[in-house]
Amino acid sequence: MRSPRDLDSLLHSFVGSLPTTPADRWLRRLSAFADHGKLWMLLGIVLSSRRGTLRRGAIRGLGSLMVSSGVVNVVLKRVFGRVRPDLENLRTERRLRREPGSLSFPSGHSSSAAAFVTGLALENPAAGAVLAPLALGVGYSRVHVGVHYPGDVLAGLAVGGAVAAATRRWWPVRRTAPARLRP
């Protein structure tokens, strides 16, 4: 039976061996646009311009992103110390212009994506569902461009989602009452 690290390396190699497609360029751009939470901050600003659940969700999502980013980048990466995958065999059209210099586990990009989208979904499930594929795309893009193992991404998604879910402990989700018909 293979160890989780062996499976992680095997999956990473499989993704790295996929044929070149136009998606390579878009996944590289998506990965770069999500650097430092830029994508989620932009979406948070746009969504917070609306009143109600979208604004509350954007605020919860951005707050969750900040906490999750700190937990991942300041604590967990140092605790686990996993180095990034070797980019020696990665096709040049997939490589990022600037390779990250930080440790690999867990993925900060994935954690930020899950934290923002989960925080948003707690307040506005429909908006969270619309943005969930984008969050998953950011996570996959990190494997596609070769800078993370799939396990790094899964762990990042789990941490981000857990941080956002934990916000319910001190900031209850406000439910909007359904409209009532008056007699």
Protein backbone atom coordinates (compact mmCIF):
# COMPACT_ATOMS: atom_id res chain seq x y z
CA MET A 1 0.00 0.00 0.00
CA ARG A 2 1.28 3.44 -0.90
CA SER A 3 1.81 6.19 1.64
CA PRO A 4 -0.12 9.48 1.37
CA ARG A 5 3.09 11.24 0.28
CA ASP A 6 3.62 8.70 -2.50
CA LEU A 7 0.04 9.19 -3.71
CA ASP A 8 0.53 12.95 -3.52
CA SER A 9 3.68 12.72 -5.67
CA LEU A 10 1.96 10.35 -8.09
CA LEU A 11 -1.02 12.70 -8.55
CA HIS A 12 1.31 15.68 -8.91
CA SER A 13 3.25 13.86 -11.62
CA PHE A 14 0.03 12.88 -13.39
CA VAL A 15 -1.20 16.49 -13.49
CA GLY A 16 2.25 17.61 -14.64
CA SER A 17 2.16 15.15 -17.53
CA LEU A 18 -1.19 16.31 -18.90
CA PRO A 19 -0.92 17.60 -22.49
CA THR A 20 -0.57 21.30 -23.20
CA THR A 21 -3.89 23.10 -23.75
CA PRO A 22 -5.11 26.72 -23.85
CA ALA A 23 -6.24 26.16 -20.24
CA ASP A 24 -2.58 26.28 -19.15
CA ARG A 25 -2.40 30.02 -19.72
CA TRP A 26 -5.71 30.69 -17.92
CA LEU A 27 -4.84 28.51 -14.94
CA ARG A 28 -1.47 30.26 -14.64
CA ARG A 29 -3.23 33.64 -14.69
CA LEU A 30 -5.83 32.51 -12.16
CA SER A 31 -3.11 31.29 -9.83
CA ALA A 32 -1.20 34.56 -10.12
CA PHE A 33 -4.33 36.72 -9.70
CA ALA A 34 -5.09 34.93 -6.44
CA ASP A 35 -1.66 35.87 -5.00
CA HIS A 36 -1.93 37.62 -1.63
CA GLY A 37 -5.72 37.24 -1.72
CA LYS A 38 -6.12 39.87 -4.49
CA LEU A 39 -8.94 37.97 -6.21
CA TRP A 40 -10.92 37.52 -3.00
CA MET A 41 -10.34 41.09 -1.82
CA LEU A 42 -11.63 42.42 -5.13
CA LEU A 43 -14.70 40.20 -4.92
CA GLY A 44 -15.16 41.21 -1.28
CA ILE A 45 -15.13 44.90 -2.19
CA VAL A 46 -17.62 44.37 -5.01
CA LEU A 47 -19.95 42.23 -2.90
CA SER A 48 -19.78 44.54 0.10
CA SER A 49 -21.20 47.34 -2.02
CA ARG A 50 -24.55 45.54 -1.71
CA ARG A 51 -26.56 45.61 1.50
CA GLY A 52 -27.72 42.58 3.39
CA THR A 53 -26.39 39.06 3.16
CA LEU A 54 -23.89 39.79 0.39
CA ARG A 55 -22.21 42.51 2.46
CA ARG A 56 -22.23 40.41 5.63
CA GLY A 57 -20.90 37.43 3.68
CA ALA A 58 -18.13 39.49 2.07
CA ILE A 59 -17.07 40.85 5.47
CA ARG A 60 -17.17 37.38 7.05
CA GLY A 61 -15.27 35.96 4.07
CA LEU A 62 -12.55 38.63 4.18
CA GLY A 63 -12.17 38.28 7.93
CA SER A 64 -11.94 34.51 7.58
CA LEU A 65 -9.38 34.92 4.80
CA MET A 66 -7.16 37.09 7.02
CA VAL A 67 -7.28 34.67 9.95
CA SER A 68 -6.79 31.63 7.71
CA SER A 69 -3.86 33.25 5.93
CA GLY A 70 -2.17 33.93 9.26
CA VAL A 71 -2.77 30.40 10.54
CA VAL A 72 -1.41 28.82 7.35
CA ASN A 73 1.52 31.11 6.58
CA VAL A 74 2.72 31.93 10.09
CA VAL A 75 1.97 28.69 11.94
CA LEU A 76 1.21 25.61 9.84
CA LYS A 77 3.80 26.01 7.07
CA ARG A 78 6.52 26.36 9.71
CA VAL A 79 5.23 23.41 11.73
CA PHE A 80 5.11 21.02 8.76
CA GLY A 81 8.07 22.41 6.78
CA ARG A 82 7.20 20.62 3.55
CA VAL A 83 9.22 21.87 0.59
CA ARG A 84 7.56 22.64 -2.73
CA PRO A 85 7.55 20.13 -5.58
CA ASP A 86 10.52 20.01 -7.93
CA LEU A 87 9.79 22.10 -11.03
CA GLU A 88 12.58 20.50 -13.07
CA ASN A 89 10.23 18.52 -15.34
CA LEU A 90 7.38 21.05 -15.51
CA ARG A 91 6.63 22.47 -18.94
CA THR A 92 7.65 26.11 -19.32
CA GLU A 93 4.20 27.21 -20.49
CA ARG A 94 2.82 26.13 -17.11
CA ARG A 95 5.40 27.80 -14.90
CA LEU A 96 4.64 30.94 -12.98
CA ARG A 97 6.74 33.98 -13.79
CA ARG A 98 7.77 34.16 -10.14
CA GLU A 99 8.11 30.90 -8.27
CA PRO A 100 7.03 31.04 -4.62
CA GLY A 101 9.78 30.93 -2.03
CA SER A 102 7.67 29.78 0.91
CA LEU A 103 7.00 26.26 2.13
CA SER A 104 4.34 24.09 0.53
CA PHE A 105 2.01 22.57 3.14
CA PRO A 106 -0.77 23.65 3.39
CA SER A 107 -1.58 25.81 0.37
CA GLY A 108 -2.20 29.43 1.35
CA HIS A 109 -4.01 30.13 -1.93
CA SER A 110 -6.43 27.25 -1.29
CA SER A 111 -6.93 28.25 2.31
CA SER A 112 -7.77 31.84 1.36
CA ALA A 113 -10.14 30.67 -1.36
CA ALA A 114 -12.01 28.30 0.96
CA ALA A 115 -12.11 30.81 3.81
CA PHE A 116 -13.60 33.56 1.65
CA VAL A 117 -16.15 31.38 -0.15
CA THR A 118 -17.21 29.51 3.00
CA GLY A 119 -17.58 32.78 4.91
CA LEU A 120 -19.68 34.17 2.08
CA ALA A 121 -21.75 30.97 1.86
CA LEU A 122 -22.59 31.10 5.57
CA GLU A 123 -24.42 34.38 5.00
CA ASN A 124 -25.52 33.90 1.39
CA PRO A 125 -25.51 30.23 0.29
CA ALA A 126 -26.38 31.06 -3.32
CA ALA A 127 -23.42 33.42 -3.74
CA GLY A 128 -21.15 30.88 -2.07
CA ALA A 129 -22.34 28.19 -4.48
CA VAL A 130 -21.66 30.46 -7.46
CA LEU A 131 -18.10 31.17 -6.30
CA ALA A 132 -17.23 27.65 -5.09
CA PRO A 133 -16.02 26.49 -8.54
CA LEU A 134 -13.72 29.51 -8.69
CA ALA A 135 -12.24 28.59 -5.29
CA LEU A 136 -11.72 25.00 -6.45
CA GLY A 137 -10.18 26.34 -9.67
CA VAL A 138 -7.67 28.38 -7.68
CA GLY A 139 -6.77 25.27 -5.69
CA TYR A 140 -6.35 23.13 -8.80
CA SER A 141 -4.36 25.85 -10.53
CA ARG A 142 -1.69 25.58 -7.82
CA VAL A 143 -1.15 21.91 -8.68
CA HIS A 144 -1.41 22.60 -12.41
CA VAL A 145 1.39 25.19 -12.32
CA GLY A 146 3.46 22.77 -10.25
CA VAL A 147 3.92 24.71 -7.01
CA HIS A 148 1.81 22.47 -4.75
CA TYR A 149 1.04 18.83 -4.22
CA PRO A 150 -2.67 17.89 -4.28
CA GLY A 151 -2.51 17.16 -0.54
CA ASP A 152 -1.32 20.72 0.10
CA VAL A 153 -4.40 22.02 -1.69
CA LEU A 154 -6.80 19.71 0.14
CA ALA A 155 -5.30 20.68 3.50
CA GLY A 156 -5.52 24.39 2.59
CA LEU A 157 -9.17 24.02 1.59
CA ALA A 158 -9.90 22.23 4.88
CA VAL A 159 -8.15 24.87 7.00
CA GLY A 160 -9.85 27.77 5.21
CA GLY A 161 -13.27 26.16 5.45
CA ALA A 162 -12.77 25.34 9.12
CA VAL A 163 -11.66 28.87 9.98
CA ALA A 164 -14.72 30.34 8.25
CA ALA A 165 -17.04 27.83 9.93
CA ALA A 166 -15.48 28.68 13.29
CA THR A 167 -16.55 32.31 12.91
CA ARG A 168 -20.08 31.16 13.77
CA ARG A 169 -18.85 30.64 17.33
CA TRP A 170 -18.49 34.37 18.01
CA TRP A 171 -20.42 35.89 15.11
CA PRO A 172 -23.78 34.16 14.63
CA VAL A 173 -25.21 33.93 11.12
CA ARG A 174 -28.20 36.23 10.85
CA ARG A 175 -31.10 34.47 9.27
CA THR A 176 -33.53 36.56 7.32
CA ALA A 177 -37.12 35.76 8.12
CA PRO A 178 -39.26 34.66 5.18
CA ALA A 179 -41.81 37.19 3.99
CA ARG A 180 -45.25 36.70 5.50
CA LEU A 181 -48.52 37.31 3.81
CA ARG A 182 -50.76 39.59 5.77
CA PRO A 183 -54.44 38.69 6.01
